[in-house]
Amino acid sequence: MELGPMWEGLGLPGLFLASFLAATILPFSSEAVLAAMALGPWSWMALWLTASIGNTLGGLSSYGLGRLGRRLTWRGVRADASSAQWTTRIRRWGPWAALLTWLPVVGDAIAVALGVVAAPWGATALLMFMGKAARYAVVLGAMRAVG
């Protein structure tokens, strides 16, 4: 069974779940599900909002893990140079880095790092939504151009 029809059969709740899971550390393509569903009976606005909100909430769960991890301390554990560089960059960019959480592979790390540095939640959530919503708008626009 193909991935698209399986999720498509679940309707908008399935798209929400797929989008949420894709924003966690699980390797998953919510764009494929969205593209398949764009060929179905759902309104494009409903698809866009569902995918954008689900993916943002998934990203915010990674942000929350970063906040939680920030509170947990282990004696004798040091961050490596790579994580120190990420932290420095995220601190410099602040919540604006959330615009990039849609990126494959590094987007999850950015979301966690935003939590670790305690970036303001409201600004982070808004900018994360904007970045993820723009990506889904591009996917839907491409589907509209194709068919």
Protein backbone atom coordinates (compact mmCIF):
# COMPACT_ATOMS: atom_id res chain seq x y z
CA MET A 1 0.00 0.00 0.00
CA GLU A 2 1.30 3.47 -0.87
CA LEU A 3 1.86 6.00 1.86
CA GLY A 4 -0.39 8.69 0.36
CA PRO A 5 -3.64 6.68 0.07
CA MET A 6 -3.15 5.21 3.54
CA TRP A 7 -3.05 8.67 5.13
CA GLU A 8 -5.56 10.09 2.67
CA GLY A 9 -8.12 7.57 3.90
CA LEU A 10 -7.84 9.13 7.35
CA GLY A 11 -8.82 12.53 5.96
CA LEU A 12 -7.78 15.78 7.58
CA PRO A 13 -7.02 14.12 10.96
CA GLY A 14 -4.62 11.82 9.09
CA LEU A 15 -2.94 14.82 7.46
CA PHE A 16 -2.68 16.51 10.86
CA LEU A 17 -1.05 13.40 12.35
CA ALA A 18 1.31 12.98 9.38
CA SER A 19 2.31 16.65 9.60
CA PHE A 20 2.81 16.46 13.35
CA LEU A 21 4.97 13.32 13.13
CA ALA A 22 7.03 14.77 10.28
CA ALA A 23 8.08 17.65 12.56
CA THR A 24 9.49 15.30 15.18
CA ILE A 25 12.70 13.32 14.89
CA LEU A 26 10.85 10.65 12.89
CA PRO A 27 11.89 10.56 9.23
CA PHE A 28 8.62 11.18 7.44
CA SER A 29 7.39 13.24 4.47
CA SER A 30 4.21 15.13 5.15
CA GLU A 31 4.64 16.89 1.79
CA ALA A 32 3.91 13.62 -0.03
CA VAL A 33 0.73 13.14 1.99
CA LEU A 34 -0.32 16.74 1.38
CA ALA A 35 0.36 16.46 -2.36
CA ALA A 36 -1.70 13.25 -2.59
CA MET A 37 -4.56 14.81 -0.65
CA ALA A 38 -4.48 17.95 -2.82
CA LEU A 39 -5.82 15.73 -5.61
CA GLY A 40 -8.80 14.76 -3.45
CA PRO A 41 -12.03 16.45 -2.37
CA TRP A 42 -10.61 18.66 0.39
CA SER A 43 -10.38 22.42 0.12
CA TRP A 44 -6.87 23.71 -0.29
CA MET A 45 -7.33 26.10 2.63
CA ALA A 46 -8.32 23.21 4.92
CA LEU A 47 -5.32 21.19 3.73
CA TRP A 48 -2.94 24.13 4.18
CA LEU A 49 -4.20 25.00 7.67
CA THR A 50 -4.29 21.39 8.85
CA ALA A 51 -0.77 20.63 7.64
CA SER A 52 0.64 23.94 8.89
CA ILE A 53 -0.89 23.65 12.37
CA GLY A 54 0.02 19.98 12.74
CA ASN A 55 3.61 20.56 11.66
CA THR A 56 3.96 23.61 13.90
CA LEU A 57 2.68 21.70 16.92
CA GLY A 58 5.10 18.89 16.12
CA GLY A 59 7.94 21.42 15.95
CA LEU A 60 6.83 22.93 19.24
CA SER A 61 7.03 19.47 20.82
CA SER A 62 10.72 19.43 19.81
CA TYR A 63 11.06 22.94 21.26
CA GLY A 64 9.48 21.61 24.48
CA LEU A 65 11.98 18.74 24.61
CA GLY A 66 14.75 21.32 24.36
CA ARG A 67 13.25 23.28 27.24
CA LEU A 68 12.93 20.10 29.28
CA GLY A 69 16.49 19.05 28.44
CA ARG A 70 17.70 22.46 29.55
CA ARG A 71 16.37 21.75 33.02
CA LEU A 72 17.99 18.35 33.24
CA THR A 73 21.59 18.47 34.29
CA TRP A 74 24.12 15.71 34.43
CA ARG A 75 27.39 16.27 36.20
CA GLY A 76 30.45 15.61 34.11
CA VAL A 77 28.59 15.81 30.78
CA ARG A 78 29.89 18.43 28.39
CA ALA A 79 28.49 19.67 25.13
CA ASP A 80 30.67 19.02 22.10
CA ALA A 81 31.94 21.86 19.88
CA SER A 82 29.18 21.29 17.32
CA SER A 83 26.37 21.76 19.84
CA ALA A 84 28.12 24.83 21.28
CA GLN A 85 28.22 26.37 17.78
CA TRP A 86 24.51 25.66 17.29
CA THR A 87 23.68 27.21 20.64
CA THR A 88 25.70 30.32 19.79
CA ARG A 89 23.96 30.69 16.43
CA ILE A 90 20.50 30.17 17.88
CA ARG A 91 21.15 32.69 20.64
CA ARG A 92 22.29 35.22 18.04
CA TRP A 93 19.25 34.69 15.79
CA GLY A 94 16.76 34.19 18.60
CA PRO A 95 13.24 33.17 17.64
CA TRP A 96 13.92 34.21 14.01
CA ALA A 97 15.70 30.87 13.63
CA ALA A 98 12.26 29.25 13.91
CA LEU A 99 11.58 30.36 10.32
CA LEU A 100 14.03 27.60 9.30
CA THR A 101 12.50 24.72 11.26
CA TRP A 102 10.85 23.47 8.06
CA LEU A 103 14.26 22.46 6.68
CA PRO A 104 14.90 18.73 6.38
CA VAL A 105 17.33 17.23 8.90
CA VAL A 106 18.45 20.48 10.61
CA GLY A 107 14.94 21.83 11.26
CA ASP A 108 14.39 19.47 14.19
CA ALA A 109 17.75 20.44 15.67
CA ILE A 110 16.87 24.12 15.35
CA ALA A 111 13.58 23.57 17.17
CA VAL A 112 15.31 21.70 20.02
CA ALA A 113 18.04 24.34 20.20
CA LEU A 114 15.42 27.09 20.43
CA GLY A 115 14.04 25.30 23.48
CA VAL A 116 17.48 24.83 25.00
CA VAL A 117 18.26 28.55 24.76
CA ALA A 118 14.74 29.36 26.02
CA ALA A 119 13.75 31.47 23.02
CA PRO A 120 10.45 33.26 23.70
CA TRP A 121 7.65 30.77 23.15
CA GLY A 122 5.12 33.08 21.45
CA ALA A 123 7.53 34.55 18.91
CA THR A 124 9.04 31.12 18.28
CA ALA A 125 5.61 29.57 17.67
CA LEU A 126 4.51 32.37 15.32
CA LEU A 127 7.72 32.34 13.28
CA MET A 128 7.75 28.54 13.19
CA PHE A 129 4.18 28.58 11.85
CA MET A 130 5.10 31.15 9.22
CA GLY A 131 8.03 29.10 7.91
CA LYS A 132 6.14 25.83 7.86
CA ALA A 133 3.01 27.40 6.34
CA ALA A 134 5.09 28.97 3.56
CA ARG A 135 6.55 25.56 2.71
CA TYR A 136 3.10 23.97 2.51
CA ALA A 137 1.84 26.88 0.40
CA VAL A 138 4.65 26.15 -2.07
CA VAL A 139 3.69 22.46 -2.17
CA LEU A 140 0.04 23.29 -2.79
CA GLY A 141 0.98 25.92 -5.38
CA ALA A 142 3.07 23.34 -7.21
CA MET A 143 0.16 20.91 -7.14
CA ARG A 144 -2.14 23.59 -8.53
CA ALA A 145 0.32 24.29 -11.34
CA VAL A 146 0.58 20.60 -12.17
CA GLY A 147 -3.08 19.81 -12.22
